[in-house]
C-alpha atoms as a PDB file:
ATOM      1  CA  MET A   1      71.911  16.721  19.447  1.00  0.00           C
ATOM      2  CA  SER A   2      70.130  17.543  22.682  1.00  0.00           C
ATOM      3  CA  HIS A   3      67.163  20.211  23.368  1.00  0.00           C
ATOM      4  CA  LEU A   4      65.201  21.269  26.371  1.00  0.00           C
ATOM      5  CA  ALA A   5      61.267  21.331  25.559  1.00  0.00           C
ATOM      6  CA  VAL A   6      59.245  23.163  28.233  1.00  0.00           C
ATOM      7  CA  HIS A   7      55.618  21.557  28.474  1.00  0.00           C
ATOM      8  CA  VAL A   8      52.358  22.567  30.632  1.00  0.00           C
ATOM      9  CA  ALA A   9      49.300  20.512  31.805  1.00  0.00           C
ATOM     10  CA  ALA A  10      46.405  21.500  33.018  1.00  0.00           C
ATOM     11  CA  LEU A  11      44.792  19.657  35.804  1.00  0.00           C
ATOM     12  CA  VAL A  12      40.786  20.622  35.681  1.00  0.00           C
ATOM     13  CA  VAL A  13      38.801  19.210  38.676  1.00  0.00           C
ATOM     14  CA  SER A  14      35.131  19.176  38.867  1.00  0.00           C
ATOM     15  CA  GLY A  15      34.153  17.470  42.252  1.00  0.00           C
ATOM     16  CA  ASP A  16      35.825  14.290  42.313  1.00  0.00           C
ATOM     17  CA  ASP A  17      36.384  14.180  38.206  1.00  0.00           C
ATOM     18  CA  PHE A  18      39.497  15.123  36.137  1.00  0.00           C
ATOM     19  CA  LEU A  19      39.227  16.644  32.768  1.00  0.00           C
ATOM     20  CA  MET A  20      41.023  14.053  30.749  1.00  0.00           C
ATOM     21  CA  LEU A  21      41.621  12.938  26.969  1.00  0.00           C
ATOM     22  CA  ARG A  22      42.622   9.867  25.321  1.00  0.00           C
ATOM     23  CA  GLN A  23      45.560   9.950  23.243  1.00  0.00           C
ATOM     24  CA  HIS A  24      47.363   6.927  21.473  1.00  0.00           C
ATOM     25  CA  ASN A  25      45.303   4.784  23.659  1.00  0.00           C
ATOM     26  CA  ASN A  26      46.246   6.553  26.883  1.00  0.00           C
ATOM     27  CA  TRP A  27      44.541   8.936  29.183  1.00  0.00           C
ATOM     28  CA  ALA A  28      46.281  12.205  29.651  1.00  0.00           C
ATOM     29  CA  LEU A  29      45.724  15.774  31.077  1.00  0.00           C
ATOM     30  CA  PRO A  30      45.333  18.432  28.181  1.00  0.00           C
ATOM     31  CA  ALA A  31      48.893  19.658  27.712  1.00  0.00           C
ATOM     32  CA  THR A  32      51.360  21.217  25.078  1.00  0.00           C
ATOM     33  CA  ALA A  33      54.752  22.607  24.466  1.00  0.00           C
ATOM     34  CA  VAL A  34      55.197  26.296  25.473  1.00  0.00           C
ATOM     35  CA  ARG A  35      55.685  28.449  22.374  1.00  0.00           C
ATOM     36  CA  TYR A  36      58.477  31.131  22.078  1.00  0.00           C
ATOM     37  CA  GLY A  37      57.037  34.480  23.873  1.00  0.00           C
ATOM     38  CA  GLU A  38      54.349  32.490  25.697  1.00  0.00           C
ATOM     39  CA  THR A  39      53.491  32.508  29.311  1.00  0.00           C
ATOM     40  CA  LEU A  40      53.104  29.093  31.092  1.00  0.00           C
ATOM     41  CA  ALA A  41      49.632  30.480  31.827  1.00  0.00           C
ATOM     42  CA  GLU A  42      49.017  31.145  28.134  1.00  0.00           C
ATOM     43  CA  ALA A  43      49.765  27.961  27.056  1.00  0.00           C
ATOM     44  CA  VAL A  44      47.913  26.210  29.469  1.00  0.00           C
ATOM     45  CA  VAL A  45      44.526  27.920  28.262  1.00  0.00           C
ATOM     46  CA  ARG A  46      45.703  27.148  24.587  1.00  0.00           C
ATOM     47  CA  ALA A  47      46.117  23.516  25.594  1.00  0.00           C
ATOM     48  CA  LEU A  48      42.600  23.402  27.308  1.00  0.00           C
ATOM     49  CA  GLY A  49      41.001  25.268  24.075  1.00  0.00           C
ATOM     50  CA  GLU A  50      43.344  23.170  21.442  1.00  0.00           C
ATOM     51  CA  GLN A  51      42.915  19.849  22.929  1.00  0.00           C
ATOM     52  CA  ALA A  52      39.642  19.829  25.013  1.00  0.00           C
ATOM     53  CA  GLY A  53      37.556  22.573  23.074  1.00  0.00           C
ATOM     54  CA  VAL A  54      37.146  24.707  26.222  1.00  0.00           C
ATOM     55  CA  ALA A  55      36.715  28.148  25.154  1.00  0.00           C
ATOM     56  CA  GLU A  56      36.879  29.802  28.499  1.00  0.00           C
ATOM     57  CA  ALA A  57      39.431  28.772  31.408  1.00  0.00           C
ATOM     58  CA  ILE A  58      42.164  30.332  33.671  1.00  0.00           C
ATOM     59  CA  CYS A  59      45.268  28.913  34.759  1.00  0.00           C
ATOM     60  CA  GLY A  60      45.243  28.235  38.524  1.00  0.00           C
ATOM     61  CA  PRO A  61      48.464  27.430  41.005  1.00  0.00           C
ATOM     62  CA  PHE A  62      51.269  25.407  40.100  1.00  0.00           C
ATOM     63  CA  ILE A  63      51.259  21.865  41.068  1.00  0.00           C
ATOM     64  CA  GLY A  64      54.523  20.510  40.421  1.00  0.00           C
ATOM     65  CA  TRP A  65      56.851  19.416  37.766  1.00  0.00           C
ATOM     66  CA  ALA A  66      58.255  16.042  36.053  1.00  0.00           C
ATOM     67  CA  GLU A  67      61.453  15.770  33.940  1.00  0.00           C
ATOM     68  CA  SER A  68      62.290  13.198  31.211  1.00  0.00           C
ATOM     69  CA  ILE A  69      65.112  12.225  29.149  1.00  0.00           C
ATOM     70  CA  ASP A  70      64.777  10.249  26.274  1.00  0.00           C
ATOM     71  CA  THR A  71      67.538   8.731  23.989  1.00  0.00           C
ATOM     72  CA  ASP A  72      66.887   7.372  20.812  1.00  0.00           C
ATOM     73  CA  THR A  73      68.896   4.177  20.769  1.00  0.00           C
ATOM     74  CA  ASP A  74      69.167   3.944  17.236  1.00  0.00           C
ATOM     75  CA  ILE A  75      70.878   7.511  16.857  1.00  0.00           C
ATOM     76  CA  ASP A  76      72.930   7.824  19.646  1.00  0.00           C
ATOM     77  CA  THR A  77      73.235  11.782  18.766  1.00  0.00           C
ATOM     78  CA  SER A  78      69.281  12.088  18.944  1.00  0.00           C
ATOM     79  CA  GLN A  79      68.048  13.325  22.650  1.00  0.00           C
ATOM     80  CA  SER A  80      64.804  14.659  23.984  1.00  0.00           C
ATOM     81  CA  HIS A  81      64.772  16.639  27.394  1.00  0.00           C
ATOM     82  CA  THR A  82      61.436  17.646  28.520  1.00  0.00           C
ATOM     83  CA  LEU A  83      60.328  19.456  31.513  1.00  0.00           C
ATOM     84  CA  SER A  84      56.616  19.319  32.117  1.00  0.00           C
ATOM     85  CA  MET A  85      54.750  21.733  34.475  1.00  0.00           C
ATOM     86  CA  TYR A  86      51.535  20.841  35.967  1.00  0.00           C
ATOM     87  CA  PHE A  87      49.151  23.691  36.997  1.00  0.00           C
ATOM     88  CA  ARG A  88      45.448  23.454  38.182  1.00  0.00           C
ATOM     89  CA  ALA A  89      42.890  25.343  35.833  1.00  0.00           C
ATOM     90  CA  VAL A  90      39.505  26.406  36.279  1.00  0.00           C
ATOM     91  CA  LEU A  91      36.710  26.452  33.576  1.00  0.00           C
ATOM     92  CA  LEU A  92      35.015  29.802  33.660  1.00  0.00           C
ATOM     93  CA  ASP A  93      31.796  28.505  32.709  1.00  0.00           C
ATOM     94  CA  SER A  94      30.968  25.278  34.754  1.00  0.00           C
ATOM     95  CA  THR A  95      28.350  24.050  32.491  1.00  0.00           C
ATOM     96  CA  THR A  96      30.766  23.845  29.620  1.00  0.00           C
ATOM     97  CA  GLN A  97      30.749  20.388  28.275  1.00  0.00           C
ATOM     98  CA  PRO A  98      34.516  19.973  27.047  1.00  0.00           C
ATOM     99  CA  ALA A  99      34.637  18.313  23.456  1.00  0.00           C
ATOM    100  CA  SER A 100      37.183  17.692  21.098  1.00  0.00           C
ATOM    101  CA  GLN A 101      37.159  16.464  16.950  1.00  0.00           C
ATOM    102  CA  ALA A 102      40.802  15.306  17.438  1.00  0.00           C
ATOM    103  CA  ALA A 103      40.428  13.290  20.560  1.00  0.00           C
ATOM    104  CA  GLU A 104      38.029  11.687  22.960  1.00  0.00           C
ATOM    105  CA  VAL A 105      37.526  14.155  26.000  1.00  0.00           C
ATOM    106  CA  ARG A 106      35.979  13.016  29.156  1.00  0.00           C
ATOM    107  CA  TRP A 107      35.521  13.417  33.049  1.00  0.00           C
ATOM    108  CA  ILE A 108      37.305  10.686  34.608  1.00  0.00           C
ATOM    109  CA  PRO A 109      36.430  10.065  38.398  1.00  0.00           C
ATOM    110  CA  SER A 110      39.491  10.507  40.383  1.00  0.00           C
ATOM    111  CA  TRP A 111      39.202   6.883  41.802  1.00  0.00           C
ATOM    112  CA  ASP A 112      39.281   5.287  38.536  1.00  0.00           C
ATOM    113  CA  ALA A 113      42.326   7.248  37.075  1.00  0.00           C
ATOM    114  CA  ALA A 114      44.732   5.054  38.628  1.00  0.00           C
ATOM    115  CA  GLU A 115      43.105   2.108  36.885  1.00  0.00           C
ATOM    116  CA  LEU A 116      43.319   3.481  33.355  1.00  0.00           C
ATOM    117  CA  GLY A 117      46.063   3.335  30.731  1.00  0.00           C
ATOM    118  CA  LEU A 118      47.423   6.615  31.742  1.00  0.00           C
ATOM    119  CA  ALA A 119      50.171   8.311  29.921  1.00  0.00           C
ATOM    120  CA  ASP A 120      53.725   7.471  30.951  1.00  0.00           C
ATOM    121  CA  GLY A 121      54.600   9.164  34.470  1.00  0.00           C
ATOM    122  CA  LEU A 122      51.027  10.509  35.116  1.00  0.00           C
ATOM    123  CA  ALA A 123      49.860   8.136  37.616  1.00  0.00           C
ATOM    124  CA  GLU A 124      52.941   8.426  39.700  1.00  0.00           C
ATOM    125  CA  PHE A 125      52.874  12.466  39.279  1.00  0.00           C
ATOM    126  CA  LEU A 126      49.178  12.420  40.457  1.00  0.00           C
ATOM    127  CA  GLY A 127      49.891   9.893  43.477  1.00  0.00           C
ATOM    128  CA  GLU A 128      52.854  11.754  44.679  1.00  0.00           C
ATOM    129  CA  HIS A 129      50.808  15.074  44.820  1.00  0.00           C
ATOM    130  CA  GLY A 130      47.815  13.199  46.690  1.00  0.00           C
ATOM    131  CA  LEU A 131      45.338  13.572  43.789  1.00  0.00           C
ATOM    132  CA  ILE A 132      44.745   9.794  43.351  1.00  0.00           C
ATOM    133  CA  GLU A 133      45.565   7.018  45.477  1.00  0.00           C
ATOM    134  CA  THR A 134      48.154   4.207  44.110  1.00  0.00           C
ATOM    135  CA  LEU A 135      49.345   0.976  44.968  1.00  0.00           C
ATOM    136  CA  ILE A 136      52.955   0.394  45.288  1.00  0.00           C
END
């Protein structure tokens, strides 16, 4: 069985720093699956609230997308097809200190991001869009 899931991710920038959270020993952007009837912008704001504890934010411009298709090799009928759409987002209160009880949330300097253990495909995405420098 195969299905398509649409996810959004929020890139929040403050100076040269990115708002990131640690999940399963990898650093990632706040992200979530889009719910039925929810706009992409609403999902971005929800991701920031639920994952980074940011109460007031707005969704900014679309940056780009990434696609992944995973097949579970143990059960050849199980597939996952995910379309992730990346958006810039802005915190409405610049003094907000993001925090979450579920994950470690930090401002990560852009020059350090490529050296961290990032979620699968994130370093490539950020590099392709000129947001970090990566070595090939």
